[in-house]
Amino acid sequence: MDLGGQRGPDAIAYLFAVALGALMLVRRQFPVLALAATVAGLLAYYAIGYPAVGLALPVAAALYSAAEAGKFRIAGATAVGLIVVSTAFRLVQGESAGYLIGFELASTAGLMLSAIALGATVRATRLLRAEHRRTAERSAAEKESEARRRVEAERLRIARDLHDAIGHTIAVVSVQTSVALEALDDDPETTRSALGTIRTTSNTAVRELRAMVGLLDESADRSPVGSLEHLGLLIEATIGSGPEVELQTEGEPRPLPAVVDSTAYRIVQEALTNALRHASANRAVVVLRYQPACLGISVTDDGIGTTVDESRGRGLTGMRERAGVIGGDVSFSSRPGEGFRVEATLPLGEHR
């Protein structure tokens, strides 16, 4: 190591310059390796005895890349080590301590610190942007999942409406067809009445089916497919098929949220369908109880009764699921020979 004088620029000095510059081409792929090689090159440059060129500029890019890669401790330790070694070496060579420590040290340390800080800032910004992208992707995925859930829920609701509407219509048509066949020759008036009920019930079913199809059109009116406003027609069709149906209202009737209105209608419809199709009932009583916080529904028939088994068919399960969607509840009670009773409670709270 030459401590007595300085070598002038020659081919080896230019080779050092080219090598240090070439290291910048790989600093992003190998930041720590590029920093170590740069430090080694600078120390070798000074050890051979070439004139000082300053530390900060040759090593700044390597320090920046190391900090950008998250190697903050390595970059900081390297900067401090270089400053200490270089300052000590140059003092031994006879350079002015006042100049090195009082002037150049501040600018060299400041430039190195700025390079490290810039790399850390770029890294933090990149990580923040990546986190924002991940958050946006998660949000988009959650929205897509919620949209699929809503579509599935809408399909299930339409399927239930279809089951209830068609089930009731088929029950009425089946009973009235039997009446018409039996009275065809002996009682033309009864036959005409039965056929009239079939026509009315069929027309109602067609209207409901059209409304259900309309739900699939985003521009269509999203009014409820079934409503308590149509309860009179439902009861008339049921009466026309045999059982006597009495409607009782407790409390002051008032407009209901659409989802509660539709759910209440479907529960009554399914209960009357069961009374007509399965219970062989002669009479059914429908009670609507308008209460401040909820709507109560009771449907009771005097049919043959049975042991309650929700696993048989979809009717009872469908009623309970409909009520559960809006936070309500449905219960059933029956015993052989004692008729069947449906009790429902539908909250009015936050529905629109």
Protein backbone atom coordinates (compact mmCIF):
# COMPACT_ATOMS: atom_id res chain seq x y z
CA MET A 1 0.00 0.00 0.00
CA ASP A 2 1.50 3.32 -1.04
CA LEU A 3 1.10 5.86 1.75
CA GLY A 4 3.66 8.35 0.60
CA GLY A 5 2.28 9.70 -2.63
CA GLN A 6 -0.52 9.48 -5.14
CA ARG A 7 -0.54 7.84 -8.53
CA GLY A 8 -1.78 9.76 -11.50
CA PRO A 9 -4.70 8.53 -13.62
CA ASP A 10 -3.69 5.61 -15.81
CA ALA A 11 -5.29 2.60 -17.50
CA ILE A 12 -5.90 0.86 -14.17
CA ALA A 13 -7.64 3.96 -12.77
CA TYR A 14 -9.96 4.03 -15.77
CA LEU A 15 -10.55 0.32 -15.33
CA PHE A 16 -11.69 1.02 -11.76
CA ALA A 17 -14.09 3.65 -13.09
CA VAL A 18 -15.53 1.27 -15.68
CA ALA A 19 -15.88 -1.55 -13.14
CA LEU A 20 -17.66 0.67 -10.59
CA GLY A 21 -19.97 1.91 -13.31
CA ALA A 22 -20.69 -1.63 -14.51
CA LEU A 23 -21.74 -2.62 -11.00
CA MET A 24 -24.67 -0.23 -11.34
CA LEU A 25 -26.12 -2.51 -14.05
CA VAL A 26 -26.68 -5.30 -11.53
CA ARG A 27 -27.52 -3.25 -8.43
CA ARG A 28 -31.26 -3.98 -8.68
CA GLN A 29 -30.88 -7.74 -9.10
CA PHE A 30 -28.06 -8.07 -6.53
CA PRO A 31 -28.14 -4.95 -4.32
CA VAL A 32 -26.01 -6.28 -1.45
CA LEU A 33 -23.46 -7.85 -3.80
CA ALA A 34 -23.23 -4.61 -5.80
CA LEU A 35 -22.75 -2.58 -2.60
CA ALA A 36 -20.03 -4.93 -1.33
CA ALA A 37 -18.21 -4.90 -4.66
CA THR A 38 -18.40 -1.10 -4.82
CA VAL A 39 -16.94 -0.78 -1.33
CA ALA A 40 -14.20 -3.25 -2.15
CA GLY A 41 -13.39 -1.37 -5.37
CA LEU A 42 -13.20 1.99 -3.61
CA LEU A 43 -10.95 0.62 -0.86
CA ALA A 44 -8.69 -0.97 -3.47
CA TYR A 45 -8.62 2.30 -5.40
CA TYR A 46 -7.47 4.23 -2.38
CA ALA A 47 -5.05 1.48 -1.28
CA ILE A 48 -3.22 1.57 -4.60
CA GLY A 49 -2.64 5.30 -4.08
CA TYR A 50 -4.90 6.99 -6.60
CA PRO A 51 -6.10 10.51 -5.77
CA ALA A 52 -9.31 10.85 -3.75
CA VAL A 53 -12.50 11.07 -5.72
CA GLY A 54 -14.90 11.22 -2.77
CA LEU A 55 -16.96 8.36 -1.40
CA ALA A 56 -20.56 9.44 -1.71
CA LEU A 57 -20.89 9.70 -5.46
CA PRO A 58 -19.49 6.26 -6.44
CA VAL A 59 -21.37 4.44 -3.68
CA ALA A 60 -24.61 6.45 -3.60
CA ALA A 61 -26.47 4.32 -6.17
CA ALA A 62 -25.41 1.09 -4.44
CA LEU A 63 -26.57 2.44 -1.07
CA TYR A 64 -29.88 3.49 -2.63
CA SER A 65 -30.47 0.03 -4.14
CA ALA A 66 -29.60 -1.74 -0.88
CA ALA A 67 -32.07 0.46 1.05
CA GLU A 68 -34.68 -0.01 -1.66
CA ALA A 69 -34.29 -3.78 -1.20
CA GLY A 70 -34.91 -3.40 2.54
CA LYS A 71 -31.27 -3.85 3.65
CA PHE A 72 -31.25 -0.72 5.80
CA ARG A 73 -28.79 -1.95 8.43
CA ILE A 74 -26.32 -3.16 5.84
CA ALA A 75 -26.53 0.13 3.95
CA GLY A 76 -26.14 2.22 7.12
CA ALA A 77 -23.26 0.14 8.48
CA THR A 78 -21.51 0.25 5.13
CA ALA A 79 -21.82 4.04 4.90
CA VAL A 80 -20.45 4.54 8.43
CA GLY A 81 -17.62 2.07 7.85
CA LEU A 82 -16.62 3.69 4.57
CA ILE A 83 -16.56 7.16 6.12
CA VAL A 84 -14.45 6.01 9.06
CA VAL A 85 -11.96 4.01 6.96
CA SER A 86 -11.68 6.65 4.25
CA THR A 87 -11.24 9.52 6.67
CA ALA A 88 -8.60 7.66 8.66
CA PHE A 89 -6.75 6.61 5.49
CA ARG A 90 -6.70 10.12 4.08
CA LEU A 91 -5.56 11.59 7.39
CA VAL A 92 -2.65 9.14 7.35
CA GLN A 93 -1.87 10.32 3.81
CA GLY A 94 -1.50 13.82 5.19
CA GLU A 95 -4.72 15.54 4.10
CA SER A 96 -6.07 18.38 6.21
CA ALA A 97 -8.13 17.22 9.19
CA GLY A 98 -10.03 20.52 9.20
CA TYR A 99 -11.06 20.05 5.59
CA LEU A 100 -11.94 16.35 5.91
CA ILE A 101 -13.85 16.55 9.17
CA GLY A 102 -15.08 20.12 9.10
CA PHE A 103 -16.23 20.31 5.48
CA GLU A 104 -16.17 17.11 3.43
CA LEU A 105 -17.47 14.80 6.17
CA ALA A 106 -20.81 16.63 6.38
CA SER A 107 -21.42 16.60 2.63
CA THR A 108 -20.33 12.97 2.25
CA ALA A 109 -22.46 11.76 5.17
CA GLY A 110 -25.39 13.90 4.00
CA LEU A 111 -25.28 12.49 0.48
CA MET A 112 -25.00 8.90 1.71
CA LEU A 113 -27.86 9.42 4.16
CA SER A 114 -29.96 10.99 1.41
CA ALA A 115 -29.35 8.00 -0.87
CA ILE A 116 -30.38 5.57 1.89
CA ALA A 117 -33.43 7.67 2.81
CA LEU A 118 -34.50 7.92 -0.83
CA GLY A 119 -34.23 4.14 -1.24
CA ALA A 120 -36.24 3.57 1.94
CA THR A 121 -38.90 6.04 0.76
CA VAL A 122 -39.20 4.41 -2.64
CA ARG A 123 -39.50 1.00 -0.97
CA ALA A 124 -42.18 2.25 1.45
CA THR A 125 -44.11 3.86 -1.42
CA ARG A 126 -43.93 0.68 -3.49
CA LEU A 127 -45.13 -1.45 -0.56
CA LEU A 128 -47.95 1.00 0.14
CA ARG A 129 -49.07 0.90 -3.49
CA ALA A 130 -48.91 -2.89 -3.47
CA GLU A 131 -51.02 -2.97 -0.31
CA HIS A 132 -53.52 -0.61 -1.93
CA ARG A 133 -53.71 -2.91 -4.96
CA ARG A 134 -54.24 -5.93 -2.71
CA THR A 135 -56.90 -4.06 -0.78
CA ALA A 136 -58.63 -3.07 -4.01
CA GLU A 137 -58.44 -6.64 -5.28
CA ARG A 138 -59.88 -7.97 -2.01
CA SER A 139 -62.61 -5.38 -2.12
CA ALA A 140 -63.44 -6.28 -5.72
CA ALA A 141 -63.46 -9.99 -4.84
CA GLU A 142 -65.74 -9.35 -1.86
CA LYS A 143 -68.10 -7.27 -4.01
CA GLU A 144 -68.16 -10.01 -6.64
CA SER A 145 -68.84 -12.61 -3.98
CA GLU A 146 -71.62 -10.49 -2.50
CA ALA A 147 -73.10 -9.99 -5.97
CA ARG A 148 -73.07 -13.76 -6.56
CA ARG A 149 -74.67 -14.30 -3.16
CA ARG A 150 -77.41 -11.80 -3.97
CA VAL A 151 -78.02 -13.44 -7.34
CA GLU A 152 -78.28 -16.85 -5.70
CA ALA A 153 -80.61 -15.46 -3.05
CA GLU A 154 -82.77 -13.85 -5.75
CA ARG A 155 -82.90 -17.08 -7.71
CA LEU A 156 -83.88 -18.99 -4.58
CA ARG A 157 -86.59 -16.46 -3.79
CA ILE A 158 -88.00 -16.67 -7.31
CA ALA A 159 -87.89 -20.47 -7.13
CA ARG A 160 -89.84 -20.37 -3.86
CA ASP A 161 -92.37 -17.97 -5.35
CA LEU A 162 -92.74 -20.26 -8.34
CA HIS A 163 -93.19 -23.28 -6.07
CA ASP A 164 -95.85 -21.52 -3.99
CA ALA A 165 -97.75 -20.01 -6.92
CA ILE A 166 -97.77 -23.13 -9.08
CA GLY A 167 -98.36 -25.42 -6.11
CA HIS A 168 -101.47 -23.54 -5.04
CA THR A 169 -102.75 -23.23 -8.58
CA ILE A 170 -102.30 -26.94 -9.29
CA ALA A 171 -104.06 -27.83 -6.05
CA VAL A 172 -107.04 -25.63 -6.90
CA VAL A 173 -107.17 -26.81 -10.51
CA SER A 174 -106.95 -30.45 -9.42
CA VAL A 175 -109.85 -30.12 -6.98
CA GLN A 176 -112.00 -28.11 -9.37
CA THR A 177 -111.31 -30.50 -12.23
CA SER A 178 -112.55 -33.38 -10.08
CA VAL A 179 -115.68 -31.37 -9.21
CA ALA A 180 -116.30 -30.54 -12.87
CA LEU A 181 -115.90 -34.17 -13.97
CA GLU A 182 -118.32 -35.42 -11.33
CA ALA A 183 -120.95 -32.77 -12.11
CA LEU A 184 -120.49 -32.71 -15.87
CA ASP A 185 -123.65 -34.66 -16.71
CA ASP A 186 -125.90 -34.04 -13.70
CA ASP A 187 -125.12 -30.48 -12.58
CA PRO A 188 -124.04 -28.14 -15.40
CA GLU A 189 -124.12 -25.11 -13.05
CA THR A 190 -121.57 -26.67 -10.69
CA THR A 191 -119.45 -27.58 -13.69
CA ARG A 192 -119.50 -24.01 -14.94
CA SER A 193 -118.59 -22.71 -11.47
CA ALA A 194 -115.69 -25.13 -11.21
CA LEU A 195 -114.40 -24.19 -14.65
CA GLY A 196 -114.75 -20.50 -13.76
CA THR A 197 -112.63 -21.03 -10.65
CA ILE A 198 -110.05 -22.86 -12.74
CA ARG A 199 -109.91 -19.97 -15.18
CA THR A 200 -109.60 -17.34 -12.43
CA THR A 201 -106.91 -19.28 -10.62
CA SER A 202 -105.00 -19.94 -13.84
CA ASN A 203 -105.15 -16.26 -14.82
CA THR A 204 -103.81 -15.28 -11.39
CA ALA A 205 -100.97 -17.78 -11.76
CA VAL A 206 -100.13 -16.42 -15.21
CA ARG A 207 -99.95 -12.87 -13.81
CA GLU A 208 -97.65 -14.00 -11.03
CA LEU A 209 -95.43 -15.88 -13.47
CA ARG A 210 -95.14 -12.77 -15.63
CA ALA A 211 -94.20 -10.76 -12.56
CA MET A 212 -91.53 -13.33 -11.65
CA VAL A 213 -90.09 -13.16 -15.15
CA GLY A 214 -90.08 -9.38 -14.77
CA LEU A 215 -87.78 -9.74 -11.78
CA LEU A 216 -85.11 -11.04 -14.15
CA ASP A 217 -85.24 -7.77 -16.10
CA GLU A 218 -83.26 -5.02 -14.38
CA SER A 219 -85.54 -2.37 -15.87
CA ALA A 220 -88.70 -4.05 -14.60
CA ASP A 221 -90.68 -2.90 -11.60
CA ARG A 222 -89.40 -4.71 -8.51
CA SER A 223 -92.73 -4.69 -6.67
CA PRO A 224 -93.46 -7.85 -4.67
CA VAL A 225 -94.75 -10.78 -6.71
CA GLY A 226 -97.19 -11.74 -3.95
CA SER A 227 -98.92 -9.24 -1.67
CA LEU A 228 -101.54 -9.27 1.05
CA GLU A 229 -103.51 -7.01 -1.29
CA HIS A 230 -104.20 -10.17 -3.31
CA LEU A 231 -105.22 -12.21 -0.29
CA GLY A 232 -108.89 -11.86 -1.14
CA LEU A 233 -108.40 -13.52 -4.52
CA LEU A 234 -106.38 -16.29 -2.91
CA ILE A 235 -109.09 -16.97 -0.36
CA GLU A 236 -111.82 -16.89 -3.03
CA ALA A 237 -109.93 -19.48 -5.11
CA THR A 238 -109.46 -21.67 -2.04
CA ILE A 239 -113.14 -21.39 -1.08
CA GLY A 240 -114.12 -22.25 -4.62
CA SER A 241 -112.21 -25.51 -4.25
CA GLY A 242 -114.04 -26.68 -1.14
CA PRO A 243 -112.85 -25.46 2.26
CA GLU A 244 -114.45 -22.47 3.89
CA VAL A 245 -111.86 -19.81 4.70
CA GLU A 246 -112.35 -17.03 7.23
CA LEU A 247 -110.04 -14.01 7.36
CA GLN A 248 -109.64 -12.16 10.64
CA THR A 249 -107.64 -8.99 11.20
CA GLU A 250 -106.38 -7.78 14.56
CA GLY A 251 -104.91 -4.32 14.97
CA GLU A 252 -104.88 -1.49 12.46
CA PRO A 253 -103.84 -2.62 8.95
CA ARG A 254 -101.07 -0.47 7.48
CA PRO A 255 -98.64 -0.58 4.56
CA LEU A 256 -95.91 -3.15 5.10
CA PRO A 257 -92.31 -3.28 3.83
CA ALA A 258 -92.35 -5.03 0.46
CA VAL A 259 -90.32 -8.04 1.59
CA VAL A 260 -92.56 -8.56 4.64
CA ASP A 261 -95.69 -8.15 2.52
CA SER A 262 -94.52 -10.73 -0.02
CA THR A 263 -93.34 -13.16 2.66
CA ALA A 264 -96.63 -12.93 4.56
CA TYR A 265 -98.64 -13.63 1.41
CA ARG A 266 -96.52 -16.67 0.52
CA ILE A 267 -96.81 -18.13 4.03
CA VAL A 268 -100.61 -17.83 3.94
CA GLN A 269 -100.67 -19.25 0.41
CA GLU A 270 -98.58 -22.27 1.34
CA ALA A 271 -100.62 -22.89 4.51
CA LEU A 272 -103.90 -22.83 2.54
CA THR A 273 -102.37 -25.08 -0.12
CA ASN A 274 -101.51 -27.61 2.57
CA ALA A 275 -105.04 -27.39 3.98
CA LEU A 276 -106.50 -27.92 0.52
CA ARG A 277 -104.15 -30.60 -0.74
CA HIS A 278 -103.20 -32.65 2.29
CA ALA A 279 -105.46 -31.93 5.28
CA SER A 280 -108.91 -32.64 3.76
CA ALA A 281 -110.05 -29.61 5.76
CA ASN A 282 -113.59 -28.22 5.74
CA ARG A 283 -112.64 -24.90 7.30
CA ALA A 284 -109.57 -22.74 7.70
CA VAL A 285 -109.05 -19.53 9.65
CA VAL A 286 -106.46 -16.94 8.66
CA VAL A 287 -105.56 -14.33 11.29
CA LEU A 288 -103.37 -11.28 10.61
CA ARG A 289 -102.14 -9.47 13.72
CA TYR A 290 -100.76 -5.98 13.07
CA GLN A 291 -98.49 -5.14 16.00
CA PRO A 292 -96.12 -2.17 16.43
CA ALA A 293 -92.93 -4.14 15.79
CA CYS A 294 -94.11 -7.19 13.87
CA LEU A 295 -96.83 -8.86 11.86
CA GLY A 296 -98.27 -12.03 13.31
CA ILE A 297 -99.86 -14.67 11.08
CA SER A 298 -101.92 -17.65 12.14
CA VAL A 299 -103.49 -20.19 9.77
CA THR A 300 -105.50 -23.01 11.34
CA ASP A 301 -107.53 -25.76 9.68
CA ASP A 302 -109.81 -28.50 10.98
CA GLY A 303 -108.31 -31.21 8.78
CA ILE A 304 -107.17 -34.69 9.66
CA GLY A 305 -103.93 -33.43 11.18
CA THR A 306 -100.64 -35.24 11.10
CA THR A 307 -97.30 -35.51 12.80
CA VAL A 308 -95.23 -32.48 11.81
CA ASP A 309 -92.36 -33.60 9.58
CA GLU A 310 -90.54 -30.82 7.76
CA SER A 311 -88.46 -33.31 5.80
CA ARG A 312 -91.52 -34.25 3.75
CA GLY A 313 -91.77 -31.84 0.84
CA ARG A 314 -90.53 -28.28 0.61
CA GLY A 315 -93.62 -26.41 1.82
CA LEU A 316 -92.94 -26.24 5.56
CA THR A 317 -89.20 -25.76 5.12
CA GLY A 318 -89.85 -23.05 2.53
CA MET A 319 -92.10 -21.12 4.94
CA ARG A 320 -89.49 -21.25 7.68
CA GLU A 321 -86.67 -20.22 5.33
CA ARG A 322 -88.70 -17.31 3.95
CA ALA A 323 -89.35 -15.97 7.44
CA GLY A 324 -85.74 -16.57 8.51
CA VAL A 325 -84.38 -14.41 5.69
CA ILE A 326 -86.03 -11.32 7.22
CA GLY A 327 -85.41 -12.30 10.83
CA GLY A 328 -88.81 -13.87 11.44
CA ASP A 329 -89.92 -17.26 12.67
CA VAL A 330 -92.50 -19.89 11.74
CA SER A 331 -93.74 -22.72 13.94
CA PHE A 332 -96.06 -25.62 13.22
CA SER A 333 -98.29 -27.68 15.46
CA SER A 334 -100.51 -30.63 14.63
CA ARG A 335 -101.62 -34.00 15.85
CA PRO A 336 -103.66 -36.64 14.06
CA GLY A 337 -107.36 -35.70 14.20
CA GLU A 338 -106.73 -32.16 15.51
CA GLY A 339 -106.00 -30.16 12.36
CA PHE A 340 -102.89 -28.21 11.47
CA ARG A 341 -101.71 -24.79 12.72
CA VAL A 342 -99.12 -22.43 11.27
CA GLU A 343 -97.86 -19.53 13.40
CA ALA A 344 -95.52 -16.88 11.95
CA THR A 345 -93.94 -13.72 13.32
CA LEU A 346 -92.41 -11.27 10.84
CA PRO A 347 -90.50 -8.24 12.22
CA LEU A 348 -91.17 -4.86 10.60
CA GLY A 349 -88.01 -3.13 11.87
CA GLU A 350 -85.47 -2.09 9.21
CA HIS A 351 -86.97 -3.54 6.03
CA ARG A 352 -87.70 -1.31 3.05
